[in-house]
N, C-alpha and C. Protein backbone atom coordinates (compact mmCIF):
# COMPACT_ATOMS: atom_id res chain seq x y z
N UNK A 1 0.85 -1.18 0.00
CA UNK A 1 0.00 0.00 0.00
C UNK A 1 0.89 1.24 0.00
N UNK A 2 0.56 2.19 -0.82
CA UNK A 2 1.34 3.42 -0.93
C UNK A 2 0.67 4.56 -0.18
N UNK A 3 1.49 5.47 0.31
CA UNK A 3 1.03 6.68 0.97
C UNK A 3 1.19 7.83 -0.02
N UNK A 4 0.09 8.47 -0.46
CA UNK A 4 0.23 9.55 -1.44
C UNK A 4 0.95 10.75 -0.84
N UNK A 5 1.77 11.39 -1.66
CA UNK A 5 2.62 12.47 -1.16
C UNK A 5 3.01 13.38 -2.31
N UNK A 6 3.03 14.70 -2.05
CA UNK A 6 3.54 15.65 -3.02
C UNK A 6 4.81 16.24 -2.41
N UNK A 7 5.92 16.21 -3.15
CA UNK A 7 7.21 16.67 -2.65
C UNK A 7 7.59 18.03 -3.22
N UNK A 8 8.24 18.84 -2.42
CA UNK A 8 8.86 20.07 -2.91
C UNK A 8 10.29 19.69 -3.30
N UNK A 9 10.59 19.78 -4.58
CA UNK A 9 11.93 19.42 -5.06
C UNK A 9 12.74 20.62 -5.53
N UNK A 10 12.19 21.81 -5.43
CA UNK A 10 12.90 23.01 -5.87
C UNK A 10 14.25 23.10 -5.18
N UNK A 11 15.31 23.14 -5.98
CA UNK A 11 16.67 23.27 -5.46
C UNK A 11 17.25 22.00 -4.87
N UNK A 12 16.52 20.90 -4.91
CA UNK A 12 16.99 19.65 -4.32
C UNK A 12 17.78 18.82 -5.34
N UNK A 13 18.87 18.20 -4.89
CA UNK A 13 19.68 17.38 -5.80
C UNK A 13 19.03 16.02 -6.07
N UNK A 14 18.81 15.74 -7.34
CA UNK A 14 18.24 14.46 -7.77
C UNK A 14 19.22 13.81 -8.73
N UNK A 15 19.49 12.53 -8.50
CA UNK A 15 20.39 11.78 -9.38
C UNK A 15 19.55 10.78 -10.17
N UNK A 16 19.70 10.83 -11.49
CA UNK A 16 19.02 9.90 -12.39
C UNK A 16 20.08 9.01 -13.00
N UNK A 17 19.94 7.71 -12.79
CA UNK A 17 20.86 6.75 -13.38
C UNK A 17 20.17 6.20 -14.62
N UNK A 18 20.72 6.49 -15.78
CA UNK A 18 20.14 6.08 -17.06
C UNK A 18 19.91 7.30 -17.93
N UNK A 19 19.98 7.08 -19.24
CA UNK A 19 19.84 8.21 -20.15
C UNK A 19 18.93 7.95 -21.32
N UNK A 20 18.01 7.00 -21.18
CA UNK A 20 17.10 6.65 -22.27
C UNK A 20 15.78 7.38 -22.22
N UNK A 21 14.78 6.81 -22.90
CA UNK A 21 13.47 7.45 -23.01
C UNK A 21 12.78 7.60 -21.66
N UNK A 22 12.84 6.56 -20.82
CA UNK A 22 12.20 6.63 -19.50
C UNK A 22 12.87 7.71 -18.67
N UNK A 23 14.18 7.73 -18.67
CA UNK A 23 14.91 8.77 -17.92
C UNK A 23 14.54 10.15 -18.43
N UNK A 24 14.45 10.31 -19.74
CA UNK A 24 14.10 11.60 -20.34
C UNK A 24 12.76 12.09 -19.82
N UNK A 25 11.78 11.21 -19.82
CA UNK A 25 10.43 11.57 -19.35
C UNK A 25 10.47 11.98 -17.87
N UNK A 26 11.19 11.24 -17.07
CA UNK A 26 11.25 11.54 -15.64
C UNK A 26 12.02 12.84 -15.39
N UNK A 27 13.08 13.08 -16.14
CA UNK A 27 13.87 14.30 -15.98
C UNK A 27 13.03 15.54 -16.30
N UNK A 28 12.21 15.45 -17.35
CA UNK A 28 11.35 16.59 -17.69
C UNK A 28 10.48 16.99 -16.50
N UNK A 29 9.85 16.02 -15.85
CA UNK A 29 8.98 16.37 -14.73
C UNK A 29 9.79 16.84 -13.52
N UNK A 30 10.97 16.30 -13.33
CA UNK A 30 11.83 16.76 -12.23
C UNK A 30 12.24 18.21 -12.43
N UNK A 31 12.59 18.57 -13.67
CA UNK A 31 12.98 19.94 -13.97
C UNK A 31 11.80 20.90 -13.77
N UNK A 32 10.60 20.47 -14.16
CA UNK A 32 9.42 21.31 -13.94
C UNK A 32 9.21 21.57 -12.45
N UNK A 33 9.61 20.62 -11.62
CA UNK A 33 9.47 20.77 -10.17
C UNK A 33 10.63 21.56 -9.57
N UNK A 34 11.61 21.94 -10.40
CA UNK A 34 12.73 22.76 -9.92
C UNK A 34 13.90 21.98 -9.35
N UNK A 35 13.91 20.66 -9.55
CA UNK A 35 15.01 19.85 -9.03
C UNK A 35 16.32 20.18 -9.74
N UNK A 36 17.42 19.95 -9.06
CA UNK A 36 18.76 20.08 -9.62
C UNK A 36 19.16 18.66 -10.03
N UNK A 37 19.17 18.40 -11.34
CA UNK A 37 19.28 17.04 -11.85
C UNK A 37 20.68 16.73 -12.36
N UNK A 38 21.20 15.59 -11.89
CA UNK A 38 22.43 15.01 -12.41
C UNK A 38 22.07 13.68 -13.03
N UNK A 39 22.50 13.47 -14.27
CA UNK A 39 22.27 12.21 -14.97
C UNK A 39 23.60 11.48 -15.06
N UNK A 40 23.59 10.20 -14.69
CA UNK A 40 24.79 9.38 -14.83
C UNK A 40 24.44 8.25 -15.78
N UNK A 41 25.08 8.28 -16.94
CA UNK A 41 24.83 7.29 -17.98
C UNK A 41 25.89 7.40 -19.06
N UNK A 42 26.36 6.28 -19.60
CA UNK A 42 27.35 6.37 -20.67
C UNK A 42 26.78 6.98 -21.95
N UNK A 43 25.46 6.90 -22.13
CA UNK A 43 24.81 7.49 -23.30
C UNK A 43 23.55 8.21 -22.83
N UNK A 44 23.10 9.17 -23.63
CA UNK A 44 21.89 9.92 -23.29
C UNK A 44 21.15 10.28 -24.56
N UNK A 45 19.83 10.40 -24.44
CA UNK A 45 19.03 10.81 -25.60
C UNK A 45 19.45 12.21 -26.03
N UNK A 46 19.13 12.54 -27.26
CA UNK A 46 19.43 13.88 -27.76
C UNK A 46 18.73 14.93 -26.90
N UNK A 47 17.54 14.61 -26.43
CA UNK A 47 16.79 15.55 -25.58
C UNK A 47 17.54 15.84 -24.30
N UNK A 48 18.05 14.80 -23.64
CA UNK A 48 18.82 15.01 -22.41
C UNK A 48 20.07 15.83 -22.71
N UNK A 49 20.74 15.50 -23.79
CA UNK A 49 21.98 16.23 -24.13
C UNK A 49 21.72 17.71 -24.37
N UNK A 50 20.51 18.06 -24.82
CA UNK A 50 20.17 19.47 -25.07
C UNK A 50 19.66 20.20 -23.83
N UNK A 51 19.30 19.48 -22.80
CA UNK A 51 18.75 20.12 -21.60
C UNK A 51 19.82 20.97 -20.93
N UNK A 52 19.50 22.24 -20.73
CA UNK A 52 20.48 23.19 -20.18
C UNK A 52 20.70 23.03 -18.68
N UNK A 53 19.67 22.64 -17.95
CA UNK A 53 19.78 22.58 -16.50
C UNK A 53 20.05 21.18 -15.97
N UNK A 54 20.68 20.35 -16.80
CA UNK A 54 21.00 18.98 -16.40
C UNK A 54 22.50 18.78 -16.49
N UNK A 55 23.07 18.24 -15.43
CA UNK A 55 24.50 17.90 -15.44
C UNK A 55 24.61 16.43 -15.81
N UNK A 56 25.22 16.16 -16.97
CA UNK A 56 25.36 14.78 -17.45
C UNK A 56 26.77 14.29 -17.19
N UNK A 57 26.88 13.21 -16.43
CA UNK A 57 28.16 12.53 -16.20
C UNK A 57 28.16 11.32 -17.12
N UNK A 58 29.03 11.35 -18.10
CA UNK A 58 29.02 10.36 -19.18
C UNK A 58 29.83 9.12 -18.81
N UNK A 59 29.22 8.29 -17.98
CA UNK A 59 29.84 7.02 -17.58
C UNK A 59 28.78 6.16 -16.91
N UNK A 60 29.15 4.93 -16.61
CA UNK A 60 28.24 4.02 -15.92
C UNK A 60 28.16 4.36 -14.44
N UNK A 61 27.08 3.93 -13.81
CA UNK A 61 26.88 4.09 -12.37
C UNK A 61 27.98 3.41 -11.59
N UNK A 62 28.41 4.06 -10.51
CA UNK A 62 29.38 3.50 -9.56
C UNK A 62 28.84 3.65 -8.15
N UNK A 63 29.15 2.71 -7.31
CA UNK A 63 28.78 2.83 -5.91
C UNK A 63 29.33 4.15 -5.37
N UNK A 64 28.54 4.88 -4.64
CA UNK A 64 28.94 6.18 -4.12
C UNK A 64 28.38 7.35 -4.92
N UNK A 65 27.83 7.07 -6.11
CA UNK A 65 27.28 8.14 -6.95
C UNK A 65 26.07 8.84 -6.34
N UNK A 66 25.45 8.23 -5.35
CA UNK A 66 24.24 8.80 -4.76
C UNK A 66 24.54 9.63 -3.53
N UNK A 67 25.81 9.80 -3.22
CA UNK A 67 26.24 10.47 -1.98
C UNK A 67 25.56 11.82 -1.76
N UNK A 68 25.42 12.62 -2.79
CA UNK A 68 24.87 13.97 -2.61
C UNK A 68 23.38 14.06 -2.95
N UNK A 69 22.75 12.94 -3.28
CA UNK A 69 21.36 12.96 -3.73
C UNK A 69 20.37 13.10 -2.57
N UNK A 70 19.26 13.68 -2.89
CA UNK A 70 18.11 13.74 -1.98
C UNK A 70 17.05 12.73 -2.45
N UNK A 71 17.03 12.54 -3.77
CA UNK A 71 16.08 11.63 -4.40
C UNK A 71 16.79 10.97 -5.58
N UNK A 72 16.43 9.73 -5.89
CA UNK A 72 17.12 8.95 -6.91
C UNK A 72 16.11 8.31 -7.86
N UNK A 73 16.46 8.29 -9.13
CA UNK A 73 15.68 7.57 -10.14
C UNK A 73 16.60 6.55 -10.80
N UNK A 74 16.23 5.27 -10.75
CA UNK A 74 16.98 4.21 -11.42
C UNK A 74 16.22 3.88 -12.70
N UNK A 75 16.77 4.30 -13.84
CA UNK A 75 16.04 4.17 -15.10
C UNK A 75 16.92 3.64 -16.22
N UNK A 76 17.71 2.62 -15.92
CA UNK A 76 18.51 2.00 -16.98
C UNK A 76 17.71 0.85 -17.57
N UNK A 77 18.23 0.26 -18.64
CA UNK A 77 17.59 -0.93 -19.20
C UNK A 77 18.24 -2.20 -18.68
N UNK A 78 19.06 -2.06 -17.63
CA UNK A 78 19.76 -3.19 -17.02
C UNK A 78 19.21 -3.40 -15.61
N UNK A 79 18.44 -4.47 -15.42
CA UNK A 79 17.80 -4.72 -14.12
C UNK A 79 18.82 -4.84 -12.99
N UNK A 80 19.96 -5.45 -13.26
CA UNK A 80 20.97 -5.62 -12.21
C UNK A 80 21.51 -4.26 -11.76
N UNK A 81 21.74 -3.35 -12.70
CA UNK A 81 22.21 -2.00 -12.34
C UNK A 81 21.13 -1.29 -11.54
N UNK A 82 19.88 -1.36 -12.00
CA UNK A 82 18.79 -0.71 -11.26
C UNK A 82 18.71 -1.24 -9.83
N UNK A 83 18.85 -2.54 -9.66
CA UNK A 83 18.80 -3.13 -8.31
C UNK A 83 19.96 -2.62 -7.45
N UNK A 84 21.15 -2.50 -8.03
CA UNK A 84 22.30 -1.97 -7.28
C UNK A 84 22.06 -0.52 -6.86
N UNK A 85 21.53 0.27 -7.78
CA UNK A 85 21.21 1.67 -7.48
C UNK A 85 20.22 1.73 -6.32
N UNK A 86 19.16 0.94 -6.41
CA UNK A 86 18.13 0.93 -5.37
C UNK A 86 18.69 0.45 -4.03
N UNK A 87 19.54 -0.54 -4.07
CA UNK A 87 20.15 -1.04 -2.83
C UNK A 87 20.98 0.05 -2.16
N UNK A 88 21.78 0.77 -2.96
CA UNK A 88 22.57 1.86 -2.37
C UNK A 88 21.66 2.96 -1.83
N UNK A 89 20.64 3.33 -2.60
CA UNK A 89 19.72 4.38 -2.15
C UNK A 89 19.03 3.96 -0.85
N UNK A 90 18.60 2.73 -0.77
CA UNK A 90 17.95 2.26 0.46
C UNK A 90 18.91 2.26 1.64
N UNK A 91 20.17 1.86 1.42
CA UNK A 91 21.17 1.92 2.50
C UNK A 91 21.36 3.35 2.99
N UNK A 92 21.29 4.30 2.07
CA UNK A 92 21.48 5.72 2.41
C UNK A 92 20.17 6.38 2.88
N UNK A 93 19.09 5.60 2.93
CA UNK A 93 17.77 6.09 3.35
C UNK A 93 17.25 7.21 2.45
N UNK A 94 17.45 7.02 1.15
CA UNK A 94 16.98 7.99 0.15
C UNK A 94 15.68 7.50 -0.46
N UNK A 95 14.92 8.44 -0.98
CA UNK A 95 13.77 8.07 -1.79
C UNK A 95 14.29 7.63 -3.15
N UNK A 96 13.83 6.46 -3.61
CA UNK A 96 14.31 5.94 -4.89
C UNK A 96 13.15 5.35 -5.68
N UNK A 97 13.05 5.78 -6.94
CA UNK A 97 12.08 5.25 -7.87
C UNK A 97 12.82 4.37 -8.85
N UNK A 98 12.33 3.16 -9.04
CA UNK A 98 12.97 2.23 -9.96
C UNK A 98 12.04 1.94 -11.13
N UNK A 99 12.50 2.25 -12.33
CA UNK A 99 11.69 2.02 -13.53
C UNK A 99 11.39 0.53 -13.69
N UNK A 100 12.38 -0.31 -13.48
CA UNK A 100 12.19 -1.77 -13.55
C UNK A 100 13.30 -2.45 -12.76
N UNK A 101 12.98 -3.32 -11.85
CA UNK A 101 11.65 -3.67 -11.38
C UNK A 101 11.14 -2.63 -10.37
N UNK A 102 9.89 -2.20 -10.49
CA UNK A 102 9.39 -1.12 -9.65
C UNK A 102 9.44 -1.42 -8.15
N UNK A 103 9.34 -2.69 -7.79
CA UNK A 103 9.34 -3.02 -6.36
C UNK A 103 10.73 -2.89 -5.73
N UNK A 104 11.76 -2.64 -6.52
CA UNK A 104 13.10 -2.42 -5.96
C UNK A 104 13.21 -1.03 -5.34
N UNK A 105 12.38 -0.12 -5.79
CA UNK A 105 12.38 1.24 -5.24
C UNK A 105 11.44 1.33 -4.04
N UNK A 106 11.38 2.54 -3.46
CA UNK A 106 10.49 2.72 -2.31
C UNK A 106 9.39 3.74 -2.58
N UNK A 107 9.26 4.19 -3.84
CA UNK A 107 8.11 5.00 -4.22
C UNK A 107 7.87 4.84 -5.72
N UNK A 108 6.64 5.12 -6.13
CA UNK A 108 6.29 5.09 -7.54
C UNK A 108 5.82 6.49 -7.91
N UNK A 109 5.88 6.80 -9.20
CA UNK A 109 5.45 8.10 -9.69
C UNK A 109 4.09 7.93 -10.36
N UNK A 110 3.08 8.65 -9.88
CA UNK A 110 1.75 8.50 -10.46
C UNK A 110 1.63 9.23 -11.79
N UNK A 111 0.56 8.97 -12.49
CA UNK A 111 0.19 9.74 -13.67
C UNK A 111 -0.44 11.02 -13.13
N UNK A 112 -0.09 12.17 -13.70
CA UNK A 112 -0.49 13.45 -13.11
C UNK A 112 -1.24 14.33 -14.11
N UNK A 113 -2.29 14.98 -13.62
CA UNK A 113 -3.03 15.98 -14.38
C UNK A 113 -2.85 17.31 -13.66
N UNK A 114 -2.45 18.35 -14.39
CA UNK A 114 -2.32 19.70 -13.83
C UNK A 114 -3.14 20.66 -14.69
N UNK A 115 -4.14 21.27 -14.08
CA UNK A 115 -4.97 22.24 -14.79
C UNK A 115 -5.44 23.31 -13.82
N UNK A 116 -5.24 24.56 -14.19
CA UNK A 116 -5.77 25.71 -13.44
C UNK A 116 -5.53 25.62 -11.94
N UNK A 117 -4.31 25.31 -11.56
CA UNK A 117 -3.98 25.26 -10.13
C UNK A 117 -4.40 23.99 -9.43
N UNK A 118 -4.96 23.03 -10.17
CA UNK A 118 -5.37 21.76 -9.59
C UNK A 118 -4.40 20.68 -10.06
N UNK A 119 -3.94 19.87 -9.13
CA UNK A 119 -3.08 18.74 -9.47
C UNK A 119 -3.76 17.47 -8.97
N UNK A 120 -3.92 16.52 -9.88
CA UNK A 120 -4.53 15.24 -9.55
C UNK A 120 -3.52 14.15 -9.89
N UNK A 121 -3.23 13.30 -8.92
CA UNK A 121 -2.32 12.18 -9.13
C UNK A 121 -3.14 10.89 -9.20
N UNK A 122 -2.83 10.06 -10.19
CA UNK A 122 -3.56 8.81 -10.40
C UNK A 122 -2.58 7.65 -10.33
N UNK A 123 -2.90 6.67 -9.50
CA UNK A 123 -2.02 5.53 -9.37
C UNK A 123 -2.81 4.23 -9.34
N UNK A 124 -2.26 3.21 -9.94
CA UNK A 124 -2.80 1.87 -9.84
C UNK A 124 -1.81 1.01 -9.05
N UNK A 125 -1.00 1.68 -8.23
CA UNK A 125 0.04 1.02 -7.43
C UNK A 125 1.00 0.23 -8.32
N UNK A 126 1.18 0.72 -9.54
CA UNK A 126 2.13 0.09 -10.45
C UNK A 126 1.59 -1.12 -11.18
N UNK A 127 0.35 -1.51 -10.93
CA UNK A 127 -0.18 -2.72 -11.53
C UNK A 127 -0.74 -2.53 -12.93
N UNK A 128 -1.17 -1.29 -13.25
CA UNK A 128 -1.78 -1.06 -14.55
C UNK A 128 -1.52 0.37 -15.02
N UNK A 129 -0.27 0.68 -15.41
CA UNK A 129 0.06 2.04 -15.85
C UNK A 129 -0.79 2.52 -17.03
N UNK A 130 -1.18 1.61 -17.91
CA UNK A 130 -2.00 2.00 -19.07
C UNK A 130 -3.36 2.53 -18.60
N UNK A 131 -3.92 1.93 -17.58
CA UNK A 131 -5.20 2.40 -17.05
C UNK A 131 -5.05 3.78 -16.42
N UNK A 132 -3.99 3.98 -15.66
CA UNK A 132 -3.74 5.29 -15.06
C UNK A 132 -3.60 6.36 -16.14
N UNK A 133 -2.89 6.03 -17.21
CA UNK A 133 -2.71 6.98 -18.32
C UNK A 133 -4.06 7.29 -18.98
N UNK A 134 -4.89 6.27 -19.19
CA UNK A 134 -6.20 6.48 -19.80
C UNK A 134 -7.07 7.38 -18.91
N UNK A 135 -7.05 7.15 -17.62
CA UNK A 135 -7.80 8.00 -16.69
C UNK A 135 -7.29 9.43 -16.72
N UNK A 136 -5.96 9.57 -16.78
CA UNK A 136 -5.37 10.91 -16.84
C UNK A 136 -5.87 11.66 -18.08
N UNK A 137 -5.88 10.98 -19.21
CA UNK A 137 -6.34 11.62 -20.45
C UNK A 137 -7.81 12.03 -20.36
N UNK A 138 -8.63 11.19 -19.74
CA UNK A 138 -10.04 11.55 -19.55
C UNK A 138 -10.19 12.78 -18.65
N UNK A 139 -9.43 12.81 -17.57
CA UNK A 139 -9.50 13.96 -16.65
C UNK A 139 -9.00 15.23 -17.30
N UNK A 140 -7.98 15.11 -18.15
CA UNK A 140 -7.49 16.29 -18.87
C UNK A 140 -8.59 16.93 -19.71
N UNK A 141 -9.39 16.09 -20.34
CA UNK A 141 -10.49 16.61 -21.16
C UNK A 141 -11.55 17.28 -20.30
N UNK A 142 -11.86 16.68 -19.17
CA UNK A 142 -12.89 17.24 -18.28
C UNK A 142 -12.45 18.56 -17.66
N UNK A 143 -11.17 18.68 -17.37
CA UNK A 143 -10.67 19.87 -16.66
C UNK A 143 -10.17 20.98 -17.57
N UNK A 144 -10.42 20.93 -18.84
CA UNK A 144 -9.93 21.98 -19.77
C UNK A 144 -10.37 23.31 -19.41
C-alpha cells in the first residue's frame, strides 16, 4: 500500500541513473518541479543532451554516486544495475524510484493531471500504468 505524497523538489539534488526514453520523461517532470538534476549514464538521448539545467556525467553508475542525492531515479535498461542503485539508495535512506523492477524502489510516480492550479495524481500502485494513463487523459479533457 502506498502513501500519497507531493514533494517540494525546488533546489533539491536528484540523481538519475540512465539516459534513455524513460529517464528523459522523468527528468522533464523533475525539472518542472525545480530539481537540480544530475544524470549518470554512458549514453543519453538527444533531448537530455540538449537540456540546459541537467548535469550529465558520461559514464556508468558506480557505488557512491548517490552520496549527494536527496532523491534517486533508477532508469537504466539493465535490471541488475537498477537493483544496485536501489540497494545503495535504500542503505542511504533515500527516496528511490525504480523504472524496472518497480518493487526495488520505495516509491512510484503517479500519472499526473495539472490544470488551473489543480493537481490530480492517479495511481494503480504500479499494476496497470496504461489504465492510469487512460484516466489521466479523460481527466485532462474534463478539466480543460
